[in-house]
Protein backbone atom coordinates (compact mmCIF):
# COMPACT_ATOMS: atom_id res chain seq x y z
CA MET A 1 134.60 92.76 66.87
CA LYS A 2 134.74 96.35 67.57
CA ASN A 3 133.40 96.80 64.31
CA LYS A 4 130.32 94.47 64.48
CA ILE A 5 128.95 96.32 67.81
CA LYS A 6 129.85 99.31 67.01
CA LYS A 7 127.46 98.40 63.48
CA ILE A 8 124.74 96.55 65.56
CA VAL A 9 124.73 100.35 68.28
CA ILE A 10 123.91 102.76 65.25
CA GLY A 11 121.40 99.83 64.28
CA VAL A 12 119.76 100.84 67.39
CA ILE A 13 120.14 103.87 67.94
CA ILE A 14 118.45 104.93 63.66
CA VAL A 15 115.83 102.57 64.62
CA THR A 16 114.93 104.06 68.08
CA SER A 17 115.48 107.37 66.35
CA LEU A 18 112.91 106.76 63.97
CA ILE A 19 110.95 105.92 66.76
CA LEU A 20 111.03 109.00 68.95
CA ILE A 21 110.12 110.57 65.73
CA TRP A 22 106.79 108.55 64.43
CA GLN A 23 106.13 109.65 68.10
CA LEU A 24 106.71 113.00 68.91
CA ILE A 25 105.31 114.31 65.27
CA THR A 26 102.01 111.61 65.53
CA THR A 27 101.66 113.37 69.53
CA HIS A 28 102.96 116.79 67.57
CA PHE A 29 100.45 117.24 65.32
CA ASP A 30 97.70 115.38 66.77
CA ILE A 31 97.05 112.75 63.53
CA PRO A 32 93.83 109.79 64.83
CA LYS A 33 94.26 106.97 65.61
CA ARG A 34 93.00 105.53 61.81
CA ILE A 35 95.15 107.00 59.74
CA MET A 36 98.49 106.63 62.09
CA PRO A 37 98.49 105.18 64.85
CA LYS A 38 101.32 105.68 67.47
CA PRO A 39 104.19 103.42 68.57
CA THR A 40 102.10 103.97 72.17
CA ASP A 41 99.24 102.72 70.59
CA LEU A 42 100.26 99.40 69.37
CA TRP A 43 102.87 98.48 71.68
CA ASP A 44 99.49 98.90 73.56
CA PHE A 45 97.57 97.32 71.44
CA ILE A 46 100.86 94.13 71.16
CA GLN A 47 100.13 93.30 75.40
CA LYS A 48 96.54 93.43 75.18
CA GLU A 49 96.33 90.97 72.49
CA PHE A 50 99.39 89.26 72.66
CA LEU A 51 100.43 88.91 76.23
CA THR A 52 97.88 88.92 78.41
CA THR A 53 94.44 86.93 79.33
CA HIS A 54 91.22 88.27 78.65
CA SER A 55 88.71 87.58 80.22
CA SER A 56 86.18 86.39 77.97
CA ARG A 57 87.09 82.69 77.53
CA TYR A 58 89.32 84.00 73.96
CA THR A 59 92.79 83.17 75.35
CA THR A 60 96.39 85.17 73.36
CA VAL A 61 96.43 85.32 69.98
CA LEU A 62 100.19 83.72 71.13
CA GLY A 63 98.34 81.08 73.54
CA LYS A 64 95.96 80.56 70.72
CA ALA A 65 99.27 79.85 68.26
CA LEU A 66 100.92 78.06 71.15
CA GLN A 67 97.78 75.38 70.72
CA SER A 68 97.39 74.84 66.70
CA LEU A 69 100.73 74.41 67.05
CA LYS A 70 100.19 71.32 68.88
CA ASP A 71 97.48 70.11 67.37
CA ALA A 72 98.89 69.94 64.78
CA LEU A 73 102.40 68.05 65.89
CA LEU A 74 99.54 65.99 68.48
CA GLY A 75 98.69 65.67 64.01
CA PHE A 76 101.88 64.11 63.17
CA VAL A 77 102.62 62.29 65.59
CA ILE A 78 99.36 59.74 64.73
CA SER A 79 100.61 60.05 61.00
CA LEU A 80 104.11 59.54 61.73
CA ILE A 81 102.77 56.34 63.76
CA LEU A 82 100.33 55.13 61.67
CA GLY A 83 102.22 55.81 58.47
CA SER A 84 104.99 54.18 59.08
CA VAL A 85 102.86 51.01 60.24
CA ILE A 86 101.13 51.14 56.94
CA GLY A 87 104.13 52.53 54.85
CA ILE A 88 106.01 48.81 56.03
CA VAL A 89 103.13 46.22 55.03
CA LEU A 90 102.85 48.09 51.67
CA ALA A 91 106.54 47.35 51.12
CA GLN A 92 106.31 43.97 52.91
CA SER A 93 103.20 43.08 49.46
CA LYS A 94 103.33 44.58 46.58
CA THR A 95 99.21 43.39 46.22
CA VAL A 96 97.73 45.18 49.82
CA TYR A 97 100.32 47.90 47.84
CA SER A 98 98.33 47.94 43.73
CA ILE A 99 94.84 47.71 45.73
CA PHE A 100 95.62 51.05 48.68
CA PHE A 101 98.43 53.20 46.12
CA PRO A 102 94.71 54.48 44.83
CA ILE A 103 93.00 55.31 46.70
CA ILE A 104 96.25 56.60 48.47
CA PHE A 105 96.69 58.79 45.57
CA LEU A 106 93.73 60.31 44.59
CA THR A 107 92.80 60.62 49.18
CA GLN A 108 95.68 63.59 47.71
CA LEU A 109 94.93 65.05 44.80
CA ILE A 110 91.31 66.28 47.16
CA PRO A 111 92.93 69.65 48.14
CA VAL A 112 92.00 70.73 52.24
CA PRO A 113 89.43 73.50 51.66
CA ALA A 114 87.70 71.03 49.70
CA LEU A 115 87.42 67.93 52.21
CA ALA A 116 87.25 70.57 55.22
CA PRO A 117 83.27 71.55 55.51
CA ILE A 118 82.93 68.22 54.83
CA LEU A 119 84.66 66.91 57.62
CA ALA A 120 82.94 69.50 59.67
CA ALA A 121 79.39 68.89 58.44
CA LEU A 122 80.60 64.79 59.55
CA LEU A 123 82.22 65.47 61.97
CA GLY A 124 81.47 68.44 63.86
CA TYR A 125 83.24 71.99 64.01
CA GLY A 126 86.14 70.30 66.73
CA TYR A 127 89.21 69.45 67.75
CA SER A 128 87.82 65.30 66.12
CA THR A 129 87.61 67.49 62.45
CA LYS A 130 91.19 69.39 62.94
CA MET A 131 93.29 65.78 63.99
CA VAL A 132 91.13 64.45 61.01
CA LEU A 133 92.28 66.91 58.43
CA ILE A 134 95.92 66.77 59.29
CA VAL A 135 95.97 62.71 59.87
CA LEU A 136 94.39 62.04 56.46
CA PHE A 137 96.53 64.42 54.72
CA THR A 138 99.97 63.53 56.68
CA ILE A 139 99.59 60.11 56.73
CA PHE A 140 99.87 58.65 53.56
CA PRO A 141 103.61 60.47 52.32
CA VAL A 142 105.07 58.64 55.33
CA ALA A 143 103.59 55.81 55.01
CA ILE A 144 105.24 55.85 50.61
CA ALA A 145 108.38 57.79 52.27
CA VAL A 146 108.36 54.03 54.89
CA ARG A 147 107.44 51.75 52.08
CA THR A 148 109.88 53.18 49.41
CA SER A 149 112.83 53.73 52.31
CA ILE A 150 111.97 50.31 52.98
CA LEU A 151 112.64 49.06 49.78
CA ASN A 152 115.52 50.42 48.49
CA ILE A 153 118.13 49.19 51.43
CA PRO A 154 120.70 46.69 49.79
CA GLU A 155 120.03 43.20 50.04
CA ASN A 156 123.38 43.03 52.17
CA TYR A 157 121.49 45.02 54.60
CA THR A 158 119.23 42.87 55.14
CA GLN A 159 120.73 39.69 55.32
CA LEU A 160 122.36 40.55 59.23
């Protein structure tokens, strides 16, 4: 246990020393920021761009990342619900499966960068375009997984 703590302390001392040397060199030799910024300049940038809210309509990078995460999760939840329903329907009817599977297969062959501008032209650059893209590219894998799972349930489990 002491050996582990010793390694951690040595690592922290080394990293801190390197940052301190970096700060001293860039300050003493007056190196321009565009060539080698000081660690304090980097810290100021991180605080400004990632941790504080700007006065303009843009928020922090972290805030934008969290909003994107929320959007993605909402899209996945919608896909999970709709994909499960579609998967159940596809498992119940071979006719429905034979009609819709080629369409499902073809939609998975279209790359997102090719479809995104088309959807943006149709729906505009907004929240709806983002949701449609997320749902469109996640709903069918869910549907196929649900269908496959239902069809692979052992017969003795279905007869309760």
